[in-house]
PDB file of N, CA and C in Angstrom:
ATOM      1  N   UNK A   1      -2.238 -39.957 -47.558  1.00  0.00           N
ATOM      2  CA  UNK A   1      -3.276 -39.664 -48.428  1.00  0.00           C
ATOM      3  C   UNK A   1      -3.002 -38.565 -49.586  1.00  0.00           C
ATOM      4  N   UNK A   2      -3.457 -38.824 -50.874  1.00  0.00           N
ATOM      5  CA  UNK A   2      -2.912 -37.691 -51.667  1.00  0.00           C
ATOM      6  C   UNK A   2      -4.035 -36.611 -51.476  1.00  0.00           C
ATOM      7  N   UNK A   3      -3.483 -35.390 -51.631  1.00  0.00           N
ATOM      8  CA  UNK A   3      -4.260 -33.893 -51.991  1.00  0.00           C
ATOM      9  C   UNK A   3      -4.286 -33.440 -53.151  1.00  0.00           C
ATOM     10  N   UNK A   4      -5.697 -33.233 -53.613  1.00  0.00           N
ATOM     11  CA  UNK A   4      -5.982 -32.299 -54.651  1.00  0.00           C
ATOM     12  C   UNK A   4      -6.376 -30.977 -54.559  1.00  0.00           C
ATOM     13  N   UNK A   5      -5.821 -30.095 -55.350  1.00  0.00           N
ATOM     14  CA  UNK A   5      -6.062 -28.738 -55.382  1.00  0.00           C
ATOM     15  C   UNK A   5      -6.817 -28.638 -56.669  1.00  0.00           C
ATOM     16  N   UNK A   6      -8.079 -28.133 -56.580  1.00  0.00           N
ATOM     17  CA  UNK A   6      -9.241 -27.670 -57.769  1.00  0.00           C
ATOM     18  C   UNK A   6      -9.961 -26.653 -56.991  1.00  0.00           C
ATOM     19  N   UNK A   7     -10.422 -25.842 -58.046  1.00  0.00           N
ATOM     20  CA  UNK A   7     -11.564 -24.878 -57.912  1.00  0.00           C
ATOM     21  C   UNK A   7     -11.012 -23.854 -56.653  1.00  0.00           C
ATOM     22  N   UNK A   8      -9.924 -23.748 -56.092  1.00  0.00           N
ATOM     23  CA  UNK A   8      -9.460 -22.981 -55.033  1.00  0.00           C
ATOM     24  C   UNK A   8      -9.462 -23.879 -53.469  1.00  0.00           C
ATOM     25  N   UNK A   9     -10.051 -25.234 -54.029  1.00  0.00           N
ATOM     26  CA  UNK A   9      -9.998 -26.118 -52.956  1.00  0.00           C
ATOM     27  C   UNK A   9      -8.835 -27.054 -52.761  1.00  0.00           C
ATOM     28  N   UNK A  10      -8.721 -27.585 -51.199  1.00  0.00           N
ATOM     29  CA  UNK A  10      -7.571 -28.525 -51.067  1.00  0.00           C
ATOM     30  C   UNK A  10      -8.511 -29.692 -50.519  1.00  0.00           C
ATOM     31  N   UNK A  11      -8.607 -30.883 -51.379  1.00  0.00           N
ATOM     32  CA  UNK A  11      -9.104 -32.046 -50.971  1.00  0.00           C
ATOM     33  C   UNK A  11      -8.137 -33.108 -50.512  1.00  0.00           C
ATOM     34  N   UNK A  12      -8.670 -34.120 -49.708  1.00  0.00           N
ATOM     35  CA  UNK A  12      -7.783 -35.491 -49.860  1.00  0.00           C
ATOM     36  C   UNK A  12      -8.815 -36.304 -50.230  1.00  0.00           C
ATOM     37  N   UNK A  13      -8.112 -37.718 -50.602  1.00  0.00           N
ATOM     38  CA  UNK A  13      -8.788 -38.821 -51.004  1.00  0.00           C
ATOM     39  C   UNK A  13      -7.755 -40.065 -50.952  1.00  0.00           C
ATOM     40  N   UNK A  14      -8.376 -41.287 -51.033  1.00  0.00           N
ATOM     41  CA  UNK A  14      -7.513 -42.376 -50.949  1.00  0.00           C
ATOM     42  C   UNK A  14      -6.908 -42.579 -52.209  1.00  0.00           C
ATOM     43  N   UNK A  15      -5.497 -43.229 -52.199  1.00  0.00           N
ATOM     44  CA  UNK A  15      -4.899 -43.485 -53.297  1.00  0.00           C
ATOM     45  C   UNK A  15      -5.767 -44.272 -54.384  1.00  0.00           C
ATOM     46  N   UNK A  16      -5.691 -43.897 -55.488  1.00  0.00           N
ATOM     47  CA  UNK A  16      -6.379 -44.790 -56.464  1.00  0.00           C
ATOM     48  C   UNK A  16      -7.987 -44.457 -56.741  1.00  0.00           C
ATOM     49  N   UNK A  17      -8.174 -43.473 -56.024  1.00  0.00           N
ATOM     50  CA  UNK A  17      -9.451 -42.599 -56.139  1.00  0.00           C
ATOM     51  C   UNK A  17      -9.888 -42.070 -57.395  1.00  0.00           C
ATOM     52  N   UNK A  18     -11.141 -42.236 -57.915  1.00  0.00           N
ATOM     53  CA  UNK A  18     -11.495 -41.696 -58.979  1.00  0.00           C
ATOM     54  C   UNK A  18     -11.660 -40.111 -59.157  1.00  0.00           C
ATOM     55  N   UNK A  19     -10.752 -39.580 -60.124  1.00  0.00           N
ATOM     56  CA  UNK A  19     -10.889 -37.796 -59.848  1.00  0.00           C
ATOM     57  C   UNK A  19     -12.138 -37.519 -60.002  1.00  0.00           C
ATOM     58  N   UNK A  20     -12.936 -37.880 -60.706  1.00  0.00           N
ATOM     59  CA  UNK A  20     -14.185 -37.422 -61.060  1.00  0.00           C
ATOM     60  C   UNK A  20     -15.194 -37.186 -60.018  1.00  0.00           C
ATOM     61  N   UNK A  21     -15.075 -38.283 -59.362  1.00  0.00           N
ATOM     62  CA  UNK A  21     -16.081 -38.619 -58.021  1.00  0.00           C
ATOM     63  C   UNK A  21     -15.542 -37.811 -57.032  1.00  0.00           C
ATOM     64  N   UNK A  22     -14.337 -37.904 -56.783  1.00  0.00           N
ATOM     65  CA  UNK A  22     -13.785 -36.948 -55.689  1.00  0.00           C
ATOM     66  C   UNK A  22     -14.058 -35.447 -55.918  1.00  0.00           C
ATOM     67  N   UNK A  23     -14.185 -35.305 -56.943  1.00  0.00           N
ATOM     68  CA  UNK A  23     -14.404 -33.512 -57.203  1.00  0.00           C
ATOM     69  C   UNK A  23     -16.194 -33.320 -57.093  1.00  0.00           C
ATOM     70  N   UNK A  24     -16.697 -34.242 -57.617  1.00  0.00           N
ATOM     71  CA  UNK A  24     -18.343 -33.873 -57.443  1.00  0.00           C
ATOM     72  C   UNK A  24     -18.613 -34.008 -56.124  1.00  0.00           C
ATOM     73  N   UNK A  25     -18.151 -35.373 -55.433  1.00  0.00           N
ATOM     74  CA  UNK A  25     -18.435 -35.330 -53.869  1.00  0.00           C
ATOM     75  C   UNK A  25     -18.120 -34.190 -53.087  1.00  0.00           C
ATOM     76  N   UNK A  26     -17.186 -33.477 -53.513  1.00  0.00           N
ATOM     77  CA  UNK A  26     -16.589 -32.264 -52.847  1.00  0.00           C
ATOM     78  C   UNK A  26     -16.967 -30.694 -53.330  1.00  0.00           C
ATOM     79  N   UNK A  27     -18.141 -30.971 -54.070  1.00  0.00           N
ATOM     80  CA  UNK A  27     -18.865 -29.925 -54.615  1.00  0.00           C
ATOM     81  C   UNK A  27     -17.955 -29.146 -55.683  1.00  0.00           C
ATOM     82  N   UNK A  28     -17.168 -29.401 -56.212  1.00  0.00           N
ATOM     83  CA  UNK A  28     -16.268 -28.773 -57.441  1.00  0.00           C
ATOM     84  C   UNK A  28     -17.076 -28.607 -58.529  1.00  0.00           C
ATOM     85  N   UNK A  29     -17.265 -27.812 -59.203  1.00  0.00           N
ATOM     86  CA  UNK A  29     -17.808 -27.411 -60.583  1.00  0.00           C
ATOM     87  C   UNK A  29     -17.122 -27.985 -61.793  1.00  0.00           C
ATOM     88  N   UNK A  30     -17.357 -29.244 -61.787  1.00  0.00           N
ATOM     89  CA  UNK A  30     -16.735 -29.800 -63.013  1.00  0.00           C
ATOM     90  C   UNK A  30     -16.747 -29.615 -64.463  1.00  0.00           C
ATOM     91  N   UNK A  31     -17.944 -29.465 -64.707  1.00  0.00           N
ATOM     92  CA  UNK A  31     -18.421 -28.949 -65.680  1.00  0.00           C
ATOM     93  C   UNK A  31     -18.951 -27.654 -66.134  1.00  0.00           C
ATOM     94  N   UNK A  32     -18.909 -27.451 -67.385  1.00  0.00           N
ATOM     95  CA  UNK A  32     -19.206 -26.018 -68.068  1.00  0.00           C
ATOM     96  C   UNK A  32     -20.619 -26.146 -68.336  1.00  0.00           C
ATOM     97  N   UNK A  33     -21.200 -25.020 -68.022  1.00  0.00           N
ATOM     98  CA  UNK A  33     -22.777 -24.684 -68.617  1.00  0.00           C
ATOM     99  C   UNK A  33     -23.689 -26.257 -68.511  1.00  0.00           C
ATOM    100  N   UNK A  34     -24.352 -26.205 -69.636  1.00  0.00           N
ATOM    101  CA  UNK A  34     -25.230 -27.455 -69.737  1.00  0.00           C
ATOM    102  C   UNK A  34     -24.592 -28.933 -69.621  1.00  0.00           C
ATOM    103  N   UNK A  35     -23.212 -28.968 -69.555  1.00  0.00           N
ATOM    104  CA  UNK A  35     -22.439 -30.220 -69.697  1.00  0.00           C
ATOM    105  C   UNK A  35     -22.880 -30.728 -68.214  1.00  0.00           C
ATOM    106  N   UNK A  36     -23.163 -29.945 -67.259  1.00  0.00           N
ATOM    107  CA  UNK A  36     -23.476 -30.616 -65.920  1.00  0.00           C
ATOM    108  C   UNK A  36     -24.847 -31.464 -65.805  1.00  0.00           C
ATOM    109  N   UNK A  37     -25.570 -31.308 -66.733  1.00  0.00           N
ATOM    110  CA  UNK A  37     -26.724 -32.279 -66.964  1.00  0.00           C
ATOM    111  C   UNK A  37     -26.674 -33.088 -68.225  1.00  0.00           C
ATOM    112  N   UNK A  38     -25.858 -32.711 -69.234  1.00  0.00           N
ATOM    113  CA  UNK A  38     -25.699 -33.505 -70.335  1.00  0.00           C
ATOM    114  C   UNK A  38     -24.286 -34.025 -70.212  1.00  0.00           C
ATOM    115  N   UNK A  39     -24.155 -35.119 -69.715  1.00  0.00           N
ATOM    116  CA  UNK A  39     -22.825 -35.749 -69.813  1.00  0.00           C
ATOM    117  C   UNK A  39     -22.878 -37.352 -69.752  1.00  0.00           C
ATOM    118  N   UNK A  40     -21.815 -38.126 -69.933  1.00  0.00           N
ATOM    119  CA  UNK A  40     -21.946 -39.491 -69.619  1.00  0.00           C
ATOM    120  C   UNK A  40     -22.023 -40.078 -68.405  1.00  0.00           C
ATOM    121  N   UNK A  41     -21.866 -39.149 -67.363  1.00  0.00           N
ATOM    122  CA  UNK A  41     -21.754 -39.822 -66.148  1.00  0.00           C
ATOM    123  C   UNK A  41     -20.796 -40.700 -65.880  1.00  0.00           C
ATOM    124  N   UNK A  42     -19.512 -40.392 -66.404  1.00  0.00           N
ATOM    125  CA  UNK A  42     -18.417 -40.943 -66.063  1.00  0.00           C
ATOM    126  C   UNK A  42     -17.784 -42.108 -66.696  1.00  0.00           C
ATOM    127  N   UNK A  43     -18.608 -42.610 -67.875  1.00  0.00           N
ATOM    128  CA  UNK A  43     -18.276 -43.538 -68.833  1.00  0.00           C
ATOM    129  C   UNK A  43     -17.266 -43.437 -69.866  1.00  0.00           C
ATOM    130  N   UNK A  44     -16.773 -41.965 -69.819  1.00  0.00           N
ATOM    131  CA  UNK A  44     -15.530 -41.893 -70.632  1.00  0.00           C
ATOM    132  C   UNK A  44     -15.729 -41.591 -72.113  1.00  0.00           C
ATOM    133  N   UNK A  45     -16.980 -41.280 -72.649  1.00  0.00           N
ATOM    134  CA  UNK A  45     -17.569 -41.154 -74.056  1.00  0.00           C
ATOM    135  C   UNK A  45     -17.897 -40.009 -74.275  1.00  0.00           C
ATOM    136  N   UNK A  46     -18.211 -38.925 -73.622  1.00  0.00           N
ATOM    137  CA  UNK A  46     -18.483 -37.710 -73.624  1.00  0.00           C
ATOM    138  C   UNK A  46     -17.394 -36.659 -74.003  1.00  0.00           C
ATOM    139  N   UNK A  47     -16.486 -36.613 -73.202  1.00  0.00           N
ATOM    140  CA  UNK A  47     -15.512 -35.732 -73.108  1.00  0.00           C
ATOM    141  C   UNK A  47     -15.546 -34.455 -72.126  1.00  0.00           C
ATOM    142  N   UNK A  48     -16.690 -34.084 -71.434  1.00  0.00           N
ATOM    143  CA  UNK A  48     -17.065 -32.945 -70.910  1.00  0.00           C
ATOM    144  C   UNK A  48     -16.434 -32.604 -69.644  1.00  0.00           C
ATOM    145  N   UNK A  49     -15.566 -33.593 -69.029  1.00  0.00           N
ATOM    146  CA  UNK A  49     -15.038 -33.523 -67.545  1.00  0.00           C
ATOM    147  C   UNK A  49     -13.538 -33.379 -68.137  1.00  0.00           C
ATOM    148  N   UNK A  50     -13.303 -32.850 -69.403  1.00  0.00           N
ATOM    149  CA  UNK A  50     -11.817 -32.930 -69.442  1.00  0.00           C
ATOM    150  C   UNK A  50     -11.290 -31.845 -68.827  1.00  0.00           C
ATOM    151  N   UNK A  51     -10.034 -32.129 -67.612  1.00  0.00           N
ATOM    152  CA  UNK A  51      -9.122 -30.987 -67.111  1.00  0.00           C
ATOM    153  C   UNK A  51      -7.599 -31.144 -67.649  1.00  0.00           C
ATOM    154  N   UNK A  52      -6.864 -30.156 -67.320  1.00  0.00           N
ATOM    155  CA  UNK A  52      -5.400 -30.354 -67.112  1.00  0.00           C
ATOM    156  C   UNK A  52      -5.240 -30.816 -65.677  1.00  0.00           C
ATOM    157  N   UNK A  53      -3.898 -31.630 -65.811  1.00  0.00           N
ATOM    158  CA  UNK A  53      -3.652 -32.283 -64.433  1.00  0.00           C
ATOM    159  C   UNK A  53      -2.137 -31.977 -64.468  1.00  0.00           C
ATOM    160  N   UNK A  54      -1.675 -31.637 -63.305  1.00  0.00           N
ATOM    161  CA  UNK A  54      -0.178 -31.552 -62.894  1.00  0.00           C
ATOM    162  C   UNK A  54      -0.028 -32.461 -61.626  1.00  0.00           C
ATOM    163  N   UNK A  55       0.680 -33.684 -61.933  1.00  0.00           N
ATOM    164  CA  UNK A  55       0.906 -34.645 -60.302  1.00  0.00           C
ATOM    165  C   UNK A  55       0.411 -36.066 -61.065  1.00  0.00           C
ATOM    166  N   UNK A  56       0.523 -36.873 -59.873  1.00  0.00           N
ATOM    167  CA  UNK A  56       0.764 -38.359 -60.145  1.00  0.00           C
ATOM    168  C   UNK A  56      -0.705 -38.905 -60.360  1.00  0.00           C
ATOM    169  N   UNK A  57      -0.843 -39.409 -61.354  1.00  0.00           N
ATOM    170  CA  UNK A  57      -2.247 -40.090 -61.773  1.00  0.00           C
ATOM    171  C   UNK A  57      -1.801 -41.391 -62.419  1.00  0.00           C
ATOM    172  N   UNK A  58      -2.894 -42.187 -62.762  1.00  0.00           N
ATOM    173  CA  UNK A  58      -2.621 -43.204 -63.806  1.00  0.00           C
ATOM    174  C   UNK A  58      -2.679 -42.783 -65.385  1.00  0.00           C
ATOM    175  N   UNK A  59      -2.218 -43.730 -66.014  1.00  0.00           N
ATOM    176  CA  UNK A  59      -2.039 -43.670 -67.296  1.00  0.00           C
ATOM    177  C   UNK A  59      -3.142 -43.443 -67.876  1.00  0.00           C
ATOM    178  N   UNK A  60      -3.204 -42.793 -69.347  1.00  0.00           N
ATOM    179  CA  UNK A  60      -4.541 -42.976 -70.125  1.00  0.00           C
ATOM    180  C   UNK A  60      -4.867 -44.139 -70.286  1.00  0.00           C
ATOM    181  N   UNK A  61      -6.062 -44.563 -70.355  1.00  0.00           N
ATOM    182  CA  UNK A  61      -6.573 -45.825 -70.901  1.00  0.00           C
ATOM    183  C   UNK A  61      -7.017 -45.668 -72.680  1.00  0.00           C
ATOM    184  N   UNK A  62      -7.138 -46.582 -73.350  1.00  0.00           N
ATOM    185  CA  UNK A  62      -7.625 -46.793 -74.731  1.00  0.00           C
ATOM    186  C   UNK A  62      -8.727 -45.759 -74.991  1.00  0.00           C
ATOM    187  N   UNK A  63      -9.757 -45.728 -74.052  1.00  0.00           N
ATOM    188  CA  UNK A  63     -10.914 -45.349 -74.304  1.00  0.00           C
ATOM    189  C   UNK A  63     -10.546 -43.829 -73.893  1.00  0.00           C
ATOM    190  N   UNK A  64      -9.972 -43.327 -73.056  1.00  0.00           N
ATOM    191  CA  UNK A  64      -9.550 -42.026 -72.936  1.00  0.00           C
ATOM    192  C   UNK A  64      -8.903 -41.207 -73.913  1.00  0.00           C
ATOM    193  N   UNK A  65      -7.637 -42.157 -74.493  1.00  0.00           N
ATOM    194  CA  UNK A  65      -6.984 -41.675 -75.546  1.00  0.00           C
ATOM    195  C   UNK A  65      -7.960 -41.553 -76.968  1.00  0.00           C
ATOM    196  N   UNK A  66      -8.859 -42.756 -77.136  1.00  0.00           N
ATOM    197  CA  UNK A  66      -9.474 -42.325 -78.248  1.00  0.00           C
ATOM    198  C   UNK A  66     -10.410 -41.159 -78.208  1.00  0.00           C
ATOM    199  N   UNK A  67     -11.160 -40.617 -76.955  1.00  0.00           N
ATOM    200  CA  UNK A  67     -12.363 -39.499 -76.932  1.00  0.00           C
ATOM    201  C   UNK A  67     -11.303 -38.219 -76.866  1.00  0.00           C
ATOM    202  N   UNK A  68     -10.185 -38.180 -76.219  1.00  0.00           N
ATOM    203  CA  UNK A  68      -9.524 -36.874 -76.571  1.00  0.00           C
ATOM    204  C   UNK A  68      -8.831 -36.824 -77.785  1.00  0.00           C
ATOM    205  N   UNK A  69      -8.837 -37.829 -78.564  1.00  0.00           N
ATOM    206  CA  UNK A  69      -8.307 -37.584 -80.132  1.00  0.00           C
ATOM    207  C   UNK A  69      -9.278 -37.075 -81.226  1.00  0.00           C
ATOM    208  N   UNK A  70     -10.678 -37.328 -80.774  1.00  0.00           N
ATOM    209  CA  UNK A  70     -11.654 -36.585 -81.574  1.00  0.00           C
ATOM    210  C   UNK A  70     -12.129 -35.120 -81.032  1.00  0.00           C
ATOM    211  N   UNK A  71     -12.630 -34.723 -82.239  1.00  0.00           N
ATOM    212  CA  UNK A  71     -12.959 -33.274 -81.853  1.00  0.00           C
ATOM    213  C   UNK A  71     -14.085 -33.052 -80.978  1.00  0.00           C
ATOM    214  N   UNK A  72     -14.415 -32.284 -80.402  1.00  0.00           N
ATOM    215  CA  UNK A  72     -13.504 -30.751 -80.355  1.00  0.00           C
ATOM    216  C   UNK A  72     -11.966 -31.077 -79.597  1.00  0.00           C
ATOM    217  N   UNK A  73     -11.826 -32.080 -78.880  1.00  0.00           N
ATOM    218  CA  UNK A  73     -10.671 -32.148 -78.340  1.00  0.00           C
ATOM    219  C   UNK A  73      -9.398 -32.338 -79.259  1.00  0.00           C
ATOM    220  N   UNK A  74      -8.093 -32.580 -78.735  1.00  0.00           N
ATOM    221  CA  UNK A  74      -7.251 -32.962 -79.738  1.00  0.00           C
ATOM    222  C   UNK A  74      -6.212 -33.475 -78.904  1.00  0.00           C
ATOM    223  N   UNK A  75      -5.429 -34.481 -79.307  1.00  0.00           N
ATOM    224  CA  UNK A  75      -4.216 -35.021 -78.913  1.00  0.00           C
ATOM    225  C   UNK A  75      -3.283 -34.572 -78.446  1.00  0.00           C
ATOM    226  N   UNK A  76      -3.115 -33.135 -78.959  1.00  0.00           N
ATOM    227  CA  UNK A  76      -2.055 -32.255 -78.952  1.00  0.00           C
ATOM    228  C   UNK A  76      -2.135 -31.437 -77.840  1.00  0.00           C
ATOM    229  N   UNK A  77      -3.266 -31.410 -76.991  1.00  0.00           N
ATOM    230  CA  UNK A  77      -3.540 -30.764 -75.594  1.00  0.00           C
ATOM    231  C   UNK A  77      -3.305 -31.774 -74.544  1.00  0.00           C
ATOM    232  N   UNK A  78      -2.788 -30.894 -73.372  1.00  0.00           N
ATOM    233  CA  UNK A  78      -2.683 -31.740 -72.035  1.00  0.00           C
ATOM    234  C   UNK A  78      -3.722 -31.874 -71.295  1.00  0.00           C
ATOM    235  N   UNK A  79      -4.557 -32.494 -71.716  1.00  0.00           N
ATOM    236  CA  UNK A  79      -6.377 -32.656 -71.182  1.00  0.00           C
ATOM    237  C   UNK A  79      -6.295 -34.271 -70.656  1.00  0.00           C
ATOM    238  N   UNK A  80      -7.050 -34.373 -69.567  1.00  0.00           N
ATOM    239  CA  UNK A  80      -7.231 -35.722 -69.213  1.00  0.00           C
ATOM    240  C   UNK A  80      -8.807 -35.775 -68.690  1.00  0.00           C
ATOM    241  N   UNK A  81      -9.692 -37.074 -68.959  1.00  0.00           N
ATOM    242  CA  UNK A  81     -11.093 -36.882 -68.818  1.00  0.00           C
ATOM    243  C   UNK A  81     -11.219 -37.284 -67.154  1.00  0.00           C
ATOM    244  N   UNK A  82     -11.594 -36.621 -66.568  1.00  0.00           N
ATOM    245  CA  UNK A  82     -11.542 -36.643 -64.918  1.00  0.00           C
ATOM    246  C   UNK A  82     -12.089 -38.144 -64.496  1.00  0.00           C
ATOM    247  N   UNK A  83     -13.148 -38.560 -65.429  1.00  0.00           N
ATOM    248  CA  UNK A  83     -13.809 -39.796 -65.140  1.00  0.00           C
ATOM    249  C   UNK A  83     -12.881 -40.787 -65.147  1.00  0.00           C
ATOM    250  N   UNK A  84     -11.879 -40.861 -65.958  1.00  0.00           N
ATOM    251  CA  UNK A  84     -10.881 -41.849 -66.134  1.00  0.00           C
ATOM    252  C   UNK A  84      -9.672 -42.039 -65.615  1.00  0.00           C
ATOM    253  N   UNK A  85      -9.583 -40.982 -64.844  1.00  0.00           N
ATOM    254  CA  UNK A  85      -8.259 -40.514 -63.922  1.00  0.00           C
ATOM    255  C   UNK A  85      -8.295 -41.187 -62.430  1.00  0.00           C
ATOM    256  N   UNK A  86      -7.285 -41.945 -62.100  1.00  0.00           N
ATOM    257  CA  UNK A  86      -7.213 -42.540 -61.052  1.00  0.00           C
ATOM    258  C   UNK A  86      -5.923 -41.568 -60.057  1.00  0.00           C
ATOM    259  N   UNK A  87      -6.276 -40.946 -58.816  1.00  0.00           N
ATOM    260  CA  UNK A  87      -5.427 -40.291 -58.294  1.00  0.00           C
ATOM    261  C   UNK A  87      -4.371 -41.315 -57.612  1.00  0.00           C
ATOM    262  N   UNK A  88      -3.145 -41.029 -58.118  1.00  0.00           N
ATOM    263  CA  UNK A  88      -2.071 -41.848 -57.271  1.00  0.00           C
ATOM    264  C   UNK A  88      -1.190 -41.145 -56.245  1.00  0.00           C
ATOM    265  N   UNK A  89      -1.286 -39.676 -56.397  1.00  0.00           N
ATOM    266  CA  UNK A  89      -0.412 -38.775 -55.532  1.00  0.00           C
ATOM    267  C   UNK A  89      -1.158 -37.474 -55.565  1.00  0.00           C
ATOM    268  N   UNK A  90      -0.406 -36.552 -55.019  1.00  0.00           N
ATOM    269  CA  UNK A  90      -0.750 -35.278 -54.938  1.00  0.00           C
ATOM    270  C   UNK A  90      -1.161 -34.578 -56.644  1.00  0.00           C
ATOM    271  N   UNK A  91      -2.243 -33.676 -56.716  1.00  0.00           N
ATOM    272  CA  UNK A  91      -2.135 -33.320 -57.867  1.00  0.00           C
ATOM    273  C   UNK A  91      -3.054 -31.645 -58.141  1.00  0.00           C
ATOM    274  N   UNK A  92      -2.669 -31.012 -59.164  1.00  0.00           N
ATOM    275  CA  UNK A  92      -3.416 -29.719 -59.100  1.00  0.00           C
ATOM    276  C   UNK A  92      -4.482 -29.760 -60.385  1.00  0.00           C
ATOM    277  N   UNK A  93      -5.339 -29.364 -60.347  1.00  0.00           N
ATOM    278  CA  UNK A  93      -6.381 -29.433 -61.541  1.00  0.00           C
ATOM    279  C   UNK A  93      -6.825 -28.291 -62.015  1.00  0.00           C
ATOM    280  N   UNK A  94      -6.984 -28.083 -63.283  1.00  0.00           N
ATOM    281  CA  UNK A  94      -7.204 -26.743 -63.765  1.00  0.00           C
ATOM    282  C   UNK A  94      -8.301 -27.155 -64.944  1.00  0.00           C
ATOM    283  N   UNK A  95      -9.329 -26.372 -64.929  1.00  0.00           N
ATOM    284  CA  UNK A  95     -10.705 -26.569 -65.901  1.00  0.00           C
ATOM    285  C   UNK A  95     -10.571 -25.293 -67.006  1.00  0.00           C
ATOM    286  N   UNK A  96     -10.827 -25.570 -68.135  1.00  0.00           N
ATOM    287  CA  UNK A  96     -10.724 -24.672 -69.196  1.00  0.00           C
ATOM    288  C   UNK A  96     -12.057 -24.442 -69.620  1.00  0.00           C
ATOM    289  N   UNK A  97     -12.380 -23.429 -70.468  1.00  0.00           N
ATOM    290  CA  UNK A  97     -13.577 -22.975 -70.977  1.00  0.00           C
ATOM    291  C   UNK A  97     -13.813 -23.958 -72.038  1.00  0.00           C
ATOM    292  N   UNK A  98     -15.186 -23.505 -72.710  1.00  0.00           N
ATOM    293  CA  UNK A  98     -15.586 -24.547 -74.013  1.00  0.00           C
ATOM    294  C   UNK A  98     -16.594 -25.689 -73.127  1.00  0.00           C
ATOM    295  N   UNK A  99     -17.525 -25.954 -73.824  1.00  0.00           N
ATOM    296  CA  UNK A  99     -18.396 -27.118 -73.453  1.00  0.00           C
ATOM    297  C   UNK A  99     -18.071 -28.404 -72.996  1.00  0.00           C
ATOM    298  N   UNK A 100     -16.669 -28.768 -73.629  1.00  0.00           N
ATOM    299  CA  UNK A 100     -16.049 -29.845 -73.241  1.00  0.00           C
ATOM    300  C   UNK A 100     -14.790 -29.605 -72.538  1.00  0.00           C
ATOM    301  N   UNK A 101     -14.581 -28.422 -72.215  1.00  0.00           N
ATOM    302  CA  UNK A 101     -13.201 -27.688 -71.548  1.00  0.00           C
ATOM    303  C   UNK A 101     -12.279 -27.935 -72.353  1.00  0.00           C
ATOM    304  N   UNK A 102     -12.354 -27.489 -73.635  1.00  0.00           N
ATOM    305  CA  UNK A 102     -11.372 -27.869 -74.661  1.00  0.00           C
ATOM    306  C   UNK A 102     -10.725 -26.437 -75.109  1.00  0.00           C
ATOM    307  N   UNK A 103     -11.260 -25.518 -74.700  1.00  0.00           N
ATOM    308  CA  UNK A 103     -10.509 -24.273 -74.980  1.00  0.00           C
ATOM    309  C   UNK A 103      -9.465 -23.854 -74.289  1.00  0.00           C
ATOM    310  N   UNK A 104      -8.879 -22.387 -74.361  1.00  0.00           N
ATOM    311  CA  UNK A 104      -7.856 -22.102 -73.738  1.00  0.00           C
ATOM    312  C   UNK A 104      -7.910 -21.269 -72.337  1.00  0.00           C
ATOM    313  N   UNK A 105      -8.914 -20.601 -72.117  1.00  0.00           N
ATOM    314  CA  UNK A 105      -9.055 -19.928 -71.256  1.00  0.00           C
ATOM    315  C   UNK A 105      -9.574 -20.443 -69.783  1.00  0.00           C
ATOM    316  N   UNK A 106      -8.866 -20.460 -68.752  1.00  0.00           N
ATOM    317  CA  UNK A 106      -9.105 -21.009 -67.406  1.00  0.00           C
ATOM    318  C   UNK A 106     -10.254 -20.379 -66.898  1.00  0.00           C
ATOM    319  N   UNK A 107     -11.116 -21.368 -66.320  1.00  0.00           N
ATOM    320  CA  UNK A 107     -12.290 -21.514 -65.740  1.00  0.00           C
ATOM    321  C   UNK A 107     -12.030 -21.372 -64.341  1.00  0.00           C
ATOM    322  N   UNK A 108     -11.372 -22.195 -63.916  1.00  0.00           N
ATOM    323  CA  UNK A 108     -10.681 -22.388 -62.430  1.00  0.00           C
ATOM    324  C   UNK A 108      -9.650 -23.049 -62.462  1.00  0.00           C
ATOM    325  N   UNK A 109      -8.693 -22.853 -61.213  1.00  0.00           N
ATOM    326  CA  UNK A 109      -7.423 -23.854 -61.093  1.00  0.00           C
ATOM    327  C   UNK A 109      -7.227 -23.960 -59.874  1.00  0.00           C
ATOM    328  N   UNK A 110      -6.498 -25.167 -59.608  1.00  0.00           N
ATOM    329  CA  UNK A 110      -6.163 -25.410 -58.344  1.00  0.00           C
ATOM    330  C   UNK A 110      -5.400 -24.494 -57.357  1.00  0.00           C
ATOM    331  N   UNK A 111      -4.792 -23.546 -57.844  1.00  0.00           N
ATOM    332  CA  UNK A 111      -4.043 -22.901 -57.061  1.00  0.00           C
ATOM    333  C   UNK A 111      -4.571 -21.478 -56.483  1.00  0.00           C
TER     334      UNK A 111
END
């Protein structure tokens, strides 16, 4: 079973599990501020669940690539939408500041 390190926690999940759902099911504060109530609930359209990921996960879909190429995100940043990511191996997740998680300061990390 893959492990996920996020917000100082170490979680386990089934291979292929949705990262957003695993984080939320385990009490990880995935959203910044009001984004916890104002989000697309995993549809991949709002971009508020953006995180930095190290480890083995699924390739970005067209939906994810499109959303992350639009402001305030940038395709030049190494962010992924947790709602669109399937966990394929061990991962470390970092959340950055900004409503959409688009800024540079770290809110929490996996380590």
